[in-house]
Amino acid sequence: GTGVAALLFNALVITKYGRRRVMMTSGFIV
């Protein structure tokens, strides 16, 4: 459920911010 919620939230911000390198690098760090 939390994984699905994260995907839905990401759909709302991907066009506003959505910088690929920053987001993916931050994700791998976390």
PDB file of all heavy atoms in Angstrom:
ATOM      1  N   GLY A   1       0.801  -1.210   0.000  1.00  0.00           N
ATOM      2  CA  GLY A   1       0.000   0.000   0.000  1.00  0.00           C
ATOM      3  C   GLY A   1       0.839   1.267   0.000  1.00  0.00           C
ATOM      4  O   GLY A   1       0.545   2.219  -0.727  1.00  0.00           O
ATOM      5  N   THR A   2       1.870   1.295   0.822  1.00  0.00           N
ATOM      6  CA  THR A   2       2.740   2.479   0.852  1.00  0.00           C
ATOM      7  C   THR A   2       3.485   2.639  -0.459  1.00  0.00           C
ATOM      8  O   THR A   2       3.718   3.771  -0.924  1.00  0.00           O
ATOM      9  CB  THR A   2       3.745   2.372   2.007  1.00  0.00           C
ATOM     10  OG1 THR A   2       4.452   1.118   1.915  1.00  0.00           O
ATOM     11  CG2 THR A   2       3.047   2.458   3.344  1.00  0.00           C
ATOM     12  N   GLY A   3       3.853   1.515  -1.085  1.00  0.00           N
ATOM     13  CA  GLY A   3       4.523   1.599  -2.386  1.00  0.00           C
ATOM     14  C   GLY A   3       3.622   2.183  -3.451  1.00  0.00           C
ATOM     15  O   GLY A   3       4.049   3.030  -4.255  1.00  0.00           O
ATOM     16  N   VAL A   4       2.366   1.762  -3.476  1.00  0.00           N
ATOM     17  CA  VAL A   4       1.407   2.309  -4.439  1.00  0.00           C
ATOM     18  C   VAL A   4       1.163   3.794  -4.169  1.00  0.00           C
ATOM     19  O   VAL A   4       1.085   4.608  -5.102  1.00  0.00           O
ATOM     20  CB  VAL A   4       0.087   1.519  -4.377  1.00  0.00           C
ATOM     21  CG1 VAL A   4      -0.986   2.189  -5.229  1.00  0.00           C
ATOM     22  CG2 VAL A   4       0.310   0.080  -4.842  1.00  0.00           C
ATOM     23  N   ALA A   5       1.041   4.170  -2.904  1.00  0.00           N
ATOM     24  CA  ALA A   5       0.847   5.579  -2.561  1.00  0.00           C
ATOM     25  C   ALA A   5       2.023   6.431  -3.029  1.00  0.00           C
ATOM     26  O   ALA A   5       1.836   7.554  -3.511  1.00  0.00           O
ATOM     27  CB  ALA A   5       0.654   5.721  -1.050  1.00  0.00           C
ATOM     28  N   ALA A   6       3.233   5.904  -2.896  1.00  0.00           N
ATOM     29  CA  ALA A   6       4.421   6.634  -3.350  1.00  0.00           C
ATOM     30  C   ALA A   6       4.397   6.828  -4.859  1.00  0.00           C
ATOM     31  O   ALA A   6       4.763   7.899  -5.365  1.00  0.00           O
ATOM     32  CB  ALA A   6       5.682   5.890  -2.931  1.00  0.00           C
ATOM     33  N   LEU A   7       3.958   5.807  -5.601  1.00  0.00           N
ATOM     34  CA  LEU A   7       3.859   5.933  -7.054  1.00  0.00           C
ATOM     35  C   LEU A   7       2.827   6.983  -7.447  1.00  0.00           C
ATOM     36  O   LEU A   7       3.067   7.790  -8.355  1.00  0.00           O
ATOM     37  CB  LEU A   7       3.489   4.580  -7.662  1.00  0.00           C
ATOM     38  CG  LEU A   7       4.577   3.509  -7.674  1.00  0.00           C
ATOM     39  CD1 LEU A   7       4.002   2.174  -8.129  1.00  0.00           C
ATOM     40  CD2 LEU A   7       5.737   3.919  -8.569  1.00  0.00           C
ATOM     41  N   LEU A   8       1.684   6.996  -6.782  1.00  0.00           N
ATOM     42  CA  LEU A   8       0.641   7.971  -7.099  1.00  0.00           C
ATOM     43  C   LEU A   8       1.097   9.390  -6.778  1.00  0.00           C
ATOM     44  O   LEU A   8       0.840  10.328  -7.539  1.00  0.00           O
ATOM     45  CB  LEU A   8      -0.639   7.637  -6.324  1.00  0.00           C
ATOM     46  CG  LEU A   8      -1.317   6.309  -6.699  1.00  0.00           C
ATOM     47  CD1 LEU A   8      -2.520   6.051  -5.794  1.00  0.00           C
ATOM     48  CD2 LEU A   8      -1.730   6.309  -8.160  1.00  0.00           C
ATOM     49  N   PHE A   9       1.782   9.553  -5.644  1.00  0.00           N
ATOM     50  CA  PHE A   9       2.296  10.878  -5.293  1.00  0.00           C
ATOM     51  C   PHE A   9       3.330  11.339  -6.308  1.00  0.00           C
ATOM     52  O   PHE A   9       3.365  12.519  -6.683  1.00  0.00           O
ATOM     53  CB  PHE A   9       2.914  10.839  -3.894  1.00  0.00           C
ATOM     54  CG  PHE A   9       3.586  12.122  -3.494  1.00  0.00           C
ATOM     55  CD1 PHE A   9       2.842  13.219  -3.098  1.00  0.00           C
ATOM     56  CD2 PHE A   9       4.975  12.232  -3.541  1.00  0.00           C
ATOM     57  CE1 PHE A   9       3.469  14.414  -2.739  1.00  0.00           C
ATOM     58  CE2 PHE A   9       5.605  13.411  -3.188  1.00  0.00           C
ATOM     59  CZ  PHE A   9       4.845  14.515  -2.788  1.00  0.00           C
ATOM     60  N   ASN A  10       4.165  10.407  -6.757  1.00  0.00           N
ATOM     61  CA  ASN A  10       5.205  10.762  -7.720  1.00  0.00           C
ATOM     62  C   ASN A  10       4.606  11.230  -9.043  1.00  0.00           C
ATOM     63  O   ASN A  10       5.167  12.088  -9.726  1.00  0.00           O
ATOM     64  CB  ASN A  10       6.119   9.556  -7.957  1.00  0.00           C
ATOM     65  CG  ASN A  10       7.351   9.934  -8.747  1.00  0.00           C
ATOM     66  OD1 ASN A  10       8.083  10.838  -8.372  1.00  0.00           O
ATOM     67  ND2 ASN A  10       7.582   9.250  -9.837  1.00  0.00           N
ATOM     68  N   ALA A  11       3.453  10.672  -9.409  1.00  0.00           N
ATOM     69  CA  ALA A  11       2.797  11.087 -10.646  1.00  0.00           C
ATOM     70  C   ALA A  11       2.381  12.555 -10.608  1.00  0.00           C
ATOM     71  O   ALA A  11       2.251  13.199 -11.648  1.00  0.00           O
ATOM     72  CB  ALA A  11       1.572  10.206 -10.907  1.00  0.00           C
ATOM     73  N   LEU A  12       2.191  13.099  -9.403  1.00  0.00           N
ATOM     74  CA  LEU A  12       1.776  14.491  -9.269  1.00  0.00           C
ATOM     75  C   LEU A  12       2.953  15.464  -9.326  1.00  0.00           C
ATOM     76  O   LEU A  12       2.763  16.633  -9.648  1.00  0.00           O
ATOM     77  CB  LEU A  12       1.022  14.682  -7.941  1.00  0.00           C
ATOM     78  CG  LEU A  12      -0.231  13.827  -7.744  1.00  0.00           C
ATOM     79  CD1 LEU A  12      -0.813  14.051  -6.356  1.00  0.00           C
ATOM     80  CD2 LEU A  12      -1.277  14.126  -8.818  1.00  0.00           C
ATOM     81  N   VAL A  13       4.156  14.988  -8.995  1.00  0.00           N
ATOM     82  CA  VAL A  13       5.302  15.897  -8.918  1.00  0.00           C
ATOM     83  C   VAL A  13       6.307  15.697 -10.044  1.00  0.00           C
ATOM     84  O   VAL A  13       7.221  16.508 -10.194  1.00  0.00           O
ATOM     85  CB  VAL A  13       6.028  15.728  -7.565  1.00  0.00           C
ATOM     86  CG1 VAL A  13       5.082  16.000  -6.416  1.00  0.00           C
ATOM     87  CG2 VAL A  13       6.638  14.338  -7.437  1.00  0.00           C
ATOM     88  N   ILE A  14       6.146  14.660 -10.831  1.00  0.00           N
ATOM     89  CA  ILE A  14       7.167  14.335 -11.819  1.00  0.00           C
ATOM     90  C   ILE A  14       7.294  15.415 -12.888  1.00  0.00           C
ATOM     91  O   ILE A  14       8.388  15.693 -13.378  1.00  0.00           O
ATOM     92  CB  ILE A  14       6.879  12.963 -12.458  1.00  0.00           C
ATOM     93  CG1 ILE A  14       8.076  12.506 -13.292  1.00  0.00           C
ATOM     94  CG2 ILE A  14       5.614  13.004 -13.287  1.00  0.00           C
ATOM     95  CD1 ILE A  14       7.964  11.080 -13.776  1.00  0.00           C
ATOM     96  N   THR A  15       6.185  16.056 -13.254  1.00  0.00           N
ATOM     97  CA  THR A  15       6.259  17.123 -14.249  1.00  0.00           C
ATOM     98  C   THR A  15       6.665  18.451 -13.632  1.00  0.00           C
ATOM     99  O   THR A  15       7.154  19.336 -14.343  1.00  0.00           O
ATOM    100  CB  THR A  15       4.907  17.285 -14.961  1.00  0.00           C
ATOM    101  OG1 THR A  15       3.884  17.521 -13.982  1.00  0.00           O
ATOM    102  CG2 THR A  15       4.558  16.020 -15.740  1.00  0.00           C
ATOM    103  N   LYS A  16       6.468  18.629 -12.332  1.00  0.00           N
ATOM    104  CA  LYS A  16       6.844  19.882 -11.671  1.00  0.00           C
ATOM    105  C   LYS A  16       8.330  19.920 -11.356  1.00  0.00           C
ATOM    106  O   LYS A  16       8.990  20.943 -11.518  1.00  0.00           O
ATOM    107  CB  LYS A  16       6.027  20.057 -10.386  1.00  0.00           C
ATOM    108  CG  LYS A  16       4.525  20.147 -10.600  1.00  0.00           C
ATOM    109  CD  LYS A  16       4.146  21.409 -11.360  1.00  0.00           C
ATOM    110  CE  LYS A  16       2.634  21.514 -11.487  1.00  0.00           C
ATOM    111  NZ  LYS A  16       2.244  22.748 -12.237  1.00  0.00           N
ATOM    112  N   TYR A  17       8.838  18.813 -10.856  1.00  0.00           N
ATOM    113  CA  TYR A  17      10.260  18.752 -10.511  1.00  0.00           C
ATOM    114  C   TYR A  17      10.928  17.692 -11.384  1.00  0.00           C
ATOM    115  O   TYR A  17      11.510  18.007 -12.392  1.00  0.00           O
ATOM    116  CB  TYR A  17      10.442  18.438  -9.023  1.00  0.00           C
ATOM    117  CG  TYR A  17      11.898  18.464  -8.617  1.00  0.00           C
ATOM    118  CD1 TYR A  17      12.593  19.659  -8.550  1.00  0.00           C
ATOM    119  CD2 TYR A  17      12.576  17.279  -8.332  1.00  0.00           C
ATOM    120  CE1 TYR A  17      13.932  19.684  -8.202  1.00  0.00           C
ATOM    121  CE2 TYR A  17      13.902  17.296  -7.983  1.00  0.00           C
ATOM    122  CZ  TYR A  17      14.580  18.494  -7.918  1.00  0.00           C
ATOM    123  OH  TYR A  17      15.896  18.518  -7.581  1.00  0.00           O
ATOM    124  N   GLY A  18      10.821  16.460 -11.005  1.00  0.00           N
ATOM    125  CA  GLY A  18      11.179  15.342 -11.865  1.00  0.00           C
ATOM    126  C   GLY A  18      12.559  15.344 -12.481  1.00  0.00           C
ATOM    127  O   GLY A  18      12.727  14.880 -13.609  1.00  0.00           O
ATOM    128  N   ARG A  19      13.561  15.883 -11.784  1.00  0.00           N
ATOM    129  CA  ARG A  19      14.922  15.810 -12.324  1.00  0.00           C
ATOM    130  C   ARG A  19      15.459  14.400 -12.119  1.00  0.00           C
ATOM    131  O   ARG A  19      15.614  13.933 -11.006  1.00  0.00           O
ATOM    132  CB  ARG A  19      15.816  16.852 -11.661  1.00  0.00           C
ATOM    133  CG  ARG A  19      15.419  18.273 -12.014  1.00  0.00           C
ATOM    134  CD  ARG A  19      16.519  19.265 -11.689  1.00  0.00           C
ATOM    135  NE  ARG A  19      16.164  20.597 -12.160  1.00  0.00           N
ATOM    136  CZ  ARG A  19      16.387  21.034 -13.395  1.00  0.00           C
ATOM    137  NH1 ARG A  19      16.955  20.238 -14.278  1.00  0.00           N
ATOM    138  NH2 ARG A  19      16.040  22.254 -13.749  1.00  0.00           N
ATOM    139  N   ARG A  20      15.745  13.746 -13.220  1.00  0.00           N
ATOM    140  CA  ARG A  20      16.047  12.319 -13.204  1.00  0.00           C
ATOM    141  C   ARG A  20      17.267  11.987 -12.358  1.00  0.00           C
ATOM    142  O   ARG A  20      17.240  11.091 -11.511  1.00  0.00           O
ATOM    143  CB  ARG A  20      16.269  11.805 -14.626  1.00  0.00           C
ATOM    144  CG  ARG A  20      15.009  11.572 -15.460  1.00  0.00           C
ATOM    145  CD  ARG A  20      14.258  12.828 -15.738  1.00  0.00           C
ATOM    146  NE  ARG A  20      13.268  12.667 -16.790  1.00  0.00           N
ATOM    147  CZ  ARG A  20      12.212  13.436 -16.905  1.00  0.00           C
ATOM    148  NH1 ARG A  20      11.985  14.390 -15.999  1.00  0.00           N
ATOM    149  NH2 ARG A  20      11.369  13.281 -17.897  1.00  0.00           N
ATOM    150  N   ARG A  21      18.371  12.696 -12.571  1.00  0.00           N
ATOM    151  CA  ARG A  21      19.615  12.377 -11.871  1.00  0.00           C
ATOM    152  C   ARG A  21      19.475  12.604 -10.369  1.00  0.00           C
ATOM    153  O   ARG A  21      19.907  11.781  -9.560  1.00  0.00           O
ATOM    154  CB  ARG A  21      20.769  13.210 -12.426  1.00  0.00           C
ATOM    155  CG  ARG A  21      21.132  12.876 -13.861  1.00  0.00           C
ATOM    156  CD  ARG A  21      22.155  13.839 -14.410  1.00  0.00           C
ATOM    157  NE  ARG A  21      23.433  13.676 -13.744  1.00  0.00           N
ATOM    158  CZ  ARG A  21      24.079  14.654 -13.152  1.00  0.00           C
ATOM    159  NH1 ARG A  21      23.564  15.864 -13.086  1.00  0.00           N
ATOM    160  NH2 ARG A  21      25.259  14.439 -12.598  1.00  0.00           N
ATOM    161  N   VAL A  22      18.879  13.728  -9.986  1.00  0.00           N
ATOM    162  CA  VAL A  22      18.741  14.051  -8.569  1.00  0.00           C
ATOM    163  C   VAL A  22      17.820  13.069  -7.870  1.00  0.00           C
ATOM    164  O   VAL A  22      18.121  12.552  -6.783  1.00  0.00           O
ATOM    165  CB  VAL A  22      18.231  15.497  -8.395  1.00  0.00           C
ATOM    166  CG1 VAL A  22      17.980  15.802  -6.921  1.00  0.00           C
ATOM    167  CG2 VAL A  22      19.229  16.490  -8.980  1.00  0.00           C
ATOM    168  N   MET A  23      16.672  12.788  -8.495  1.00  0.00           N
ATOM    169  CA  MET A  23      15.698  11.902  -7.867  1.00  0.00           C
ATOM    170  C   MET A  23      16.237  10.487  -7.727  1.00  0.00           C
ATOM    171  O   MET A  23      16.143   9.869  -6.659  1.00  0.00           O
ATOM    172  CB  MET A  23      14.398  11.891  -8.673  1.00  0.00           C
ATOM    173  CG  MET A  23      13.748  13.261  -8.809  1.00  0.00           C
ATOM    174  SD  MET A  23      13.143  13.925  -7.241  1.00  0.00           S
ATOM    175  CE  MET A  23      11.534  13.194  -7.158  1.00  0.00           C
ATOM    176  N   MET A  24      16.834   9.957  -8.795  1.00  0.00           N
ATOM    177  CA  MET A  24      17.325   8.580  -8.745  1.00  0.00           C
ATOM    178  C   MET A  24      18.519   8.442  -7.819  1.00  0.00           C
ATOM    179  O   MET A  24      18.630   7.462  -7.065  1.00  0.00           O
ATOM    180  CB  MET A  24      17.671   8.107 -10.154  1.00  0.00           C
ATOM    181  CG  MET A  24      16.460   7.954 -11.059  1.00  0.00           C
ATOM    182  SD  MET A  24      16.875   7.409 -12.735  1.00  0.00           S
ATOM    183  CE  MET A  24      17.416   5.733 -12.404  1.00  0.00           C
ATOM    184  N   THR A  25      19.428   9.403  -7.833  1.00  0.00           N
ATOM    185  CA  THR A  25      20.570   9.348  -6.925  1.00  0.00           C
ATOM    186  C   THR A  25      20.116   9.430  -5.476  1.00  0.00           C
ATOM    187  O   THR A  25      20.597   8.685  -4.609  1.00  0.00           O
ATOM    188  CB  THR A  25      21.555  10.487  -7.228  1.00  0.00           C
ATOM    189  OG1 THR A  25      21.967  10.414  -8.598  1.00  0.00           O
ATOM    190  CG2 THR A  25      22.792  10.372  -6.346  1.00  0.00           C
ATOM    191  N   SER A  26      19.164  10.324  -5.189  1.00  0.00           N
ATOM    192  CA  SER A  26      18.625  10.425  -3.833  1.00  0.00           C
ATOM    193  C   SER A  26      17.952   9.127  -3.413  1.00  0.00           C
ATOM    194  O   SER A  26      18.077   8.684  -2.271  1.00  0.00           O
ATOM    195  CB  SER A  26      17.628  11.582  -3.749  1.00  0.00           C
ATOM    196  OG  SER A  26      18.237  12.807  -4.102  1.00  0.00           O
ATOM    197  N   GLY A  27      17.234   8.510  -4.345  1.00  0.00           N
ATOM    198  CA  GLY A  27      16.577   7.248  -4.044  1.00  0.00           C
ATOM    199  C   GLY A  27      17.553   6.147  -3.692  1.00  0.00           C
ATOM    200  O   GLY A  27      17.346   5.387  -2.731  1.00  0.00           O
ATOM    201  N   PHE A  28      18.649   6.063  -4.440  1.00  0.00           N
ATOM    202  CA  PHE A  28      19.648   5.036  -4.141  1.00  0.00           C
ATOM    203  C   PHE A  28      20.347   5.305  -2.813  1.00  0.00           C
ATOM    204  O   PHE A  28      20.722   4.366  -2.098  1.00  0.00           O
ATOM    205  CB  PHE A  28      20.678   4.951  -5.271  1.00  0.00           C
ATOM    206  CG  PHE A  28      20.221   4.108  -6.423  1.00  0.00           C
ATOM    207  CD1 PHE A  28      19.982   4.668  -7.661  1.00  0.00           C
ATOM    208  CD2 PHE A  28      20.025   2.750  -6.263  1.00  0.00           C
ATOM    209  CE1 PHE A  28      19.557   3.891  -8.727  1.00  0.00           C
ATOM    210  CE2 PHE A  28      19.595   1.961  -7.314  1.00  0.00           C
ATOM    211  CZ  PHE A  28      19.361   2.532  -8.555  1.00  0.00           C
ATOM    212  N   ILE A  29      20.521   6.570  -2.464  1.00  0.00           N
ATOM    213  CA  ILE A  29      21.122   6.892  -1.168  1.00  0.00           C
ATOM    214  C   ILE A  29      20.213   6.438  -0.033  1.00  0.00           C
ATOM    215  O   ILE A  29      20.654   5.788   0.922  1.00  0.00           O
ATOM    216  CB  ILE A  29      21.407   8.402  -1.067  1.00  0.00           C
ATOM    217  CG1 ILE A  29      22.539   8.792  -2.031  1.00  0.00           C
ATOM    218  CG2 ILE A  29      21.780   8.780   0.367  1.00  0.00           C
ATOM    219  CD1 ILE A  29      22.790  10.285  -2.098  1.00  0.00           C
ATOM    220  N   VAL A  30      18.914   6.768  -0.134  1.00  0.00           N
ATOM    221  CA  VAL A  30      17.964   6.379   0.913  1.00  0.00           C
ATOM    222  C   VAL A  30      17.840   4.864   0.995  1.00  0.00           C
ATOM    223  O   VAL A  30      17.871   4.275   2.091  1.00  0.00           O
ATOM    224  CB  VAL A  30      16.592   7.023   0.661  1.00  0.00           C
ATOM    225  CG1 VAL A  30      15.574   6.527   1.681  1.00  0.00           C
ATOM    226  CG2 VAL A  30      16.694   8.542   0.715  1.00  0.00           C
TER     227      VAL A  30
END
